[in-house]
Amino acid sequence: MVDEILLFSGGLDSLILYYYLEKPATIYFDLGHRYASKEVETVLQLAPETTIDHSFKLSSWERPDAHIPM
């Protein structure tokens, strides 16, 4: 059973919490946007045991400026 799970984006906030919480289980949701492959690469470098979930795709809503509304 997992006591803690961290939604891990690969950003500074996630990384700080990852170490503050003493490396809990982590999950990253691959949204399928234009920078997703770089994010996945970074996440796996920082927290190699991260579960990568590919079921939540939002790329069809991505605007030309790379923003996904809401």
N, C-alpha and C. Protein backbone atom coordinates (compact mmCIF):
# COMPACT_ATOMS: atom_id res chain seq x y z
N MET A 1 0.83 -1.18 0.00
CA MET A 1 0.00 0.00 0.00
C MET A 1 0.88 1.25 0.00
N VAL A 2 0.50 2.25 -0.78
CA VAL A 2 1.25 3.49 -0.89
C VAL A 2 0.67 4.50 0.09
N ASP A 3 1.52 5.04 0.97
CA ASP A 3 1.07 6.04 1.93
C ASP A 3 0.99 7.43 1.31
N GLU A 4 1.93 7.74 0.46
CA GLU A 4 1.98 9.05 -0.18
C GLU A 4 2.24 8.85 -1.67
N ILE A 5 1.65 9.71 -2.47
CA ILE A 5 1.96 9.74 -3.89
C ILE A 5 2.04 11.20 -4.31
N LEU A 6 3.02 11.52 -5.10
CA LEU A 6 3.27 12.89 -5.52
C LEU A 6 3.01 13.01 -7.01
N LEU A 7 2.17 13.94 -7.39
CA LEU A 7 1.97 14.27 -8.79
C LEU A 7 3.22 15.04 -9.21
N PHE A 8 4.05 14.40 -10.01
CA PHE A 8 5.39 14.91 -10.31
C PHE A 8 5.43 15.47 -11.72
N SER A 9 5.72 16.78 -11.82
CA SER A 9 5.76 17.42 -13.13
C SER A 9 7.18 17.56 -13.67
N GLY A 10 8.16 17.40 -12.80
CA GLY A 10 9.53 17.64 -13.21
C GLY A 10 9.97 19.06 -12.96
N GLY A 11 9.06 19.89 -12.49
CA GLY A 11 9.38 21.28 -12.18
C GLY A 11 10.00 21.41 -10.80
N LEU A 12 10.40 22.62 -10.47
CA LEU A 12 11.08 22.90 -9.21
C LEU A 12 10.22 22.55 -7.99
N ASP A 13 8.93 22.90 -8.02
CA ASP A 13 8.05 22.60 -6.89
C ASP A 13 7.97 21.10 -6.63
N SER A 14 7.80 20.33 -7.71
CA SER A 14 7.71 18.87 -7.56
C SER A 14 9.00 18.29 -7.01
N LEU A 15 10.12 18.78 -7.50
CA LEU A 15 11.41 18.26 -7.06
C LEU A 15 11.66 18.55 -5.58
N ILE A 16 11.34 19.77 -5.15
CA ILE A 16 11.51 20.11 -3.73
C ILE A 16 10.64 19.21 -2.86
N LEU A 17 9.37 19.05 -3.25
CA LEU A 17 8.48 18.18 -2.47
C LEU A 17 8.93 16.73 -2.48
N TYR A 18 9.46 16.28 -3.60
CA TYR A 18 9.96 14.91 -3.72
C TYR A 18 11.02 14.62 -2.65
N TYR A 19 11.94 15.55 -2.47
CA TYR A 19 12.96 15.36 -1.44
C TYR A 19 12.43 15.66 -0.04
N TYR A 20 11.57 16.64 0.09
CA TYR A 20 10.99 16.97 1.39
C TYR A 20 10.18 15.80 1.95
N LEU A 21 9.45 15.13 1.07
CA LEU A 21 8.64 13.97 1.48
C LEU A 21 9.44 12.67 1.48
N GLU A 22 10.76 12.79 1.30
CA GLU A 22 11.67 11.65 1.33
C GLU A 22 11.38 10.63 0.23
N LYS A 23 11.24 11.13 -0.98
CA LYS A 23 11.10 10.33 -2.21
C LYS A 23 9.89 9.39 -2.19
N PRO A 24 8.69 9.95 -2.12
CA PRO A 24 7.48 9.10 -2.16
C PRO A 24 7.28 8.54 -3.57
N ALA A 25 6.29 7.68 -3.72
CA ALA A 25 5.90 7.21 -5.05
C ALA A 25 5.47 8.42 -5.87
N THR A 26 5.79 8.42 -7.15
CA THR A 26 5.47 9.55 -8.01
C THR A 26 4.74 9.10 -9.26
N ILE A 27 3.91 10.01 -9.79
CA ILE A 27 3.21 9.76 -11.03
C ILE A 27 3.26 11.03 -11.89
N TYR A 28 3.39 10.82 -13.18
CA TYR A 28 3.40 11.92 -14.15
C TYR A 28 2.34 11.60 -15.20
N PHE A 29 1.50 12.57 -15.52
CA PHE A 29 0.49 12.38 -16.56
C PHE A 29 0.99 13.01 -17.85
N ASP A 30 1.25 12.17 -18.84
CA ASP A 30 1.69 12.62 -20.15
C ASP A 30 0.47 13.15 -20.90
N LEU A 31 0.40 14.47 -21.06
CA LEU A 31 -0.75 15.10 -21.70
C LEU A 31 -0.66 15.09 -23.22
N GLY A 32 0.47 14.66 -23.76
CA GLY A 32 0.62 14.56 -25.21
C GLY A 32 0.90 15.89 -25.89
N HIS A 33 1.25 16.91 -25.14
CA HIS A 33 1.52 18.22 -25.74
C HIS A 33 2.92 18.24 -26.36
N ARG A 34 3.26 19.33 -27.01
CA ARG A 34 4.51 19.39 -27.78
C ARG A 34 5.78 19.23 -26.95
N TYR A 35 5.73 19.50 -25.67
CA TYR A 35 6.92 19.38 -24.82
C TYR A 35 6.89 18.13 -23.93
N ALA A 36 5.92 17.28 -24.12
CA ALA A 36 5.73 16.12 -23.25
C ALA A 36 6.94 15.19 -23.24
N SER A 37 7.53 14.93 -24.39
CA SER A 37 8.66 13.98 -24.41
C SER A 37 9.84 14.52 -23.60
N LYS A 38 10.08 15.82 -23.66
CA LYS A 38 11.15 16.42 -22.86
C LYS A 38 10.81 16.36 -21.37
N GLU A 39 9.54 16.60 -21.03
CA GLU A 39 9.13 16.50 -19.63
C GLU A 39 9.30 15.08 -19.11
N VAL A 40 8.89 14.09 -19.89
CA VAL A 40 9.03 12.70 -19.47
C VAL A 40 10.50 12.37 -19.25
N GLU A 41 11.35 12.80 -20.16
CA GLU A 41 12.79 12.57 -20.03
C GLU A 41 13.32 13.18 -18.73
N THR A 42 12.92 14.40 -18.44
CA THR A 42 13.37 15.09 -17.23
C THR A 42 12.84 14.41 -15.98
N VAL A 43 11.56 14.06 -15.98
CA VAL A 43 10.96 13.38 -14.83
C VAL A 43 11.71 12.09 -14.52
N LEU A 44 12.00 11.30 -15.53
CA LEU A 44 12.67 10.03 -15.30
C LEU A 44 14.13 10.20 -14.88
N GLN A 45 14.75 11.30 -15.25
CA GLN A 45 16.10 11.58 -14.76
C GLN A 45 16.07 11.95 -13.28
N LEU A 46 15.06 12.72 -12.88
CA LEU A 46 14.96 13.19 -11.50
C LEU A 46 14.39 12.14 -10.55
N ALA A 47 13.42 11.39 -11.00
CA ALA A 47 12.75 10.38 -10.17
C ALA A 47 12.50 9.14 -11.04
N PRO A 48 13.51 8.29 -11.20
CA PRO A 48 13.45 7.18 -12.16
C PRO A 48 12.30 6.18 -11.95
N GLU A 49 11.77 6.09 -10.77
CA GLU A 49 10.70 5.12 -10.49
C GLU A 49 9.31 5.69 -10.77
N THR A 50 9.23 6.87 -11.36
CA THR A 50 7.95 7.53 -11.61
C THR A 50 7.08 6.72 -12.56
N THR A 51 5.83 6.56 -12.22
CA THR A 51 4.85 5.95 -13.12
C THR A 51 4.44 7.00 -14.14
N ILE A 52 4.51 6.65 -15.41
CA ILE A 52 4.11 7.56 -16.49
C ILE A 52 2.76 7.08 -17.01
N ASP A 53 1.74 7.91 -16.84
CA ASP A 53 0.39 7.57 -17.29
C ASP A 53 0.10 8.28 -18.61
N HIS A 54 -0.29 7.52 -19.62
CA HIS A 54 -0.53 8.07 -20.96
C HIS A 54 -2.02 8.17 -21.30
N SER A 55 -2.88 8.02 -20.33
CA SER A 55 -4.32 7.94 -20.62
C SER A 55 -5.04 9.29 -20.66
N PHE A 56 -4.36 10.36 -20.34
CA PHE A 56 -5.02 11.66 -20.20
C PHE A 56 -4.46 12.63 -21.23
N LYS A 57 -4.89 12.52 -22.48
CA LYS A 57 -4.35 13.33 -23.57
C LYS A 57 -5.15 14.61 -23.76
N LEU A 58 -4.46 15.73 -23.78
CA LEU A 58 -5.10 17.03 -23.99
C LEU A 58 -4.52 17.76 -25.19
N SER A 59 -3.69 17.09 -25.97
CA SER A 59 -3.00 17.76 -27.07
C SER A 59 -3.93 18.35 -28.11
N SER A 60 -5.12 17.82 -28.26
CA SER A 60 -6.04 18.37 -29.26
C SER A 60 -6.54 19.77 -28.88
N TRP A 61 -6.38 20.15 -27.61
CA TRP A 61 -6.78 21.49 -27.16
C TRP A 61 -5.61 22.46 -27.07
N GLU A 62 -4.41 21.98 -27.35
CA GLU A 62 -3.23 22.84 -27.25
C GLU A 62 -3.27 23.95 -28.30
N ARG A 63 -3.07 25.17 -27.86
CA ARG A 63 -3.09 26.33 -28.77
C ARG A 63 -1.70 26.52 -29.38
N PRO A 64 -1.59 27.34 -30.42
CA PRO A 64 -0.29 27.59 -31.06
C PRO A 64 0.77 28.13 -30.10
N ASP A 65 0.36 28.80 -29.02
CA ASP A 65 1.32 29.33 -28.05
C ASP A 65 1.69 28.29 -26.98
N ALA A 66 1.28 27.03 -27.18
CA ALA A 66 1.56 25.89 -26.31
C ALA A 66 0.71 25.86 -25.03
N HIS A 67 -0.23 26.77 -24.90
CA HIS A 67 -1.12 26.81 -23.74
C HIS A 67 -2.27 25.82 -23.94
N ILE A 68 -2.57 25.06 -22.88
CA ILE A 68 -3.76 24.19 -22.88
C ILE A 68 -4.74 24.84 -21.91
N PRO A 69 -5.85 25.38 -22.41
CA PRO A 69 -6.81 26.10 -21.57
C PRO A 69 -7.37 25.25 -20.42
N MET A 70 -7.64 25.92 -19.31
CA MET A 70 -8.24 25.35 -18.12
C MET A 70 -7.37 24.30 -17.52
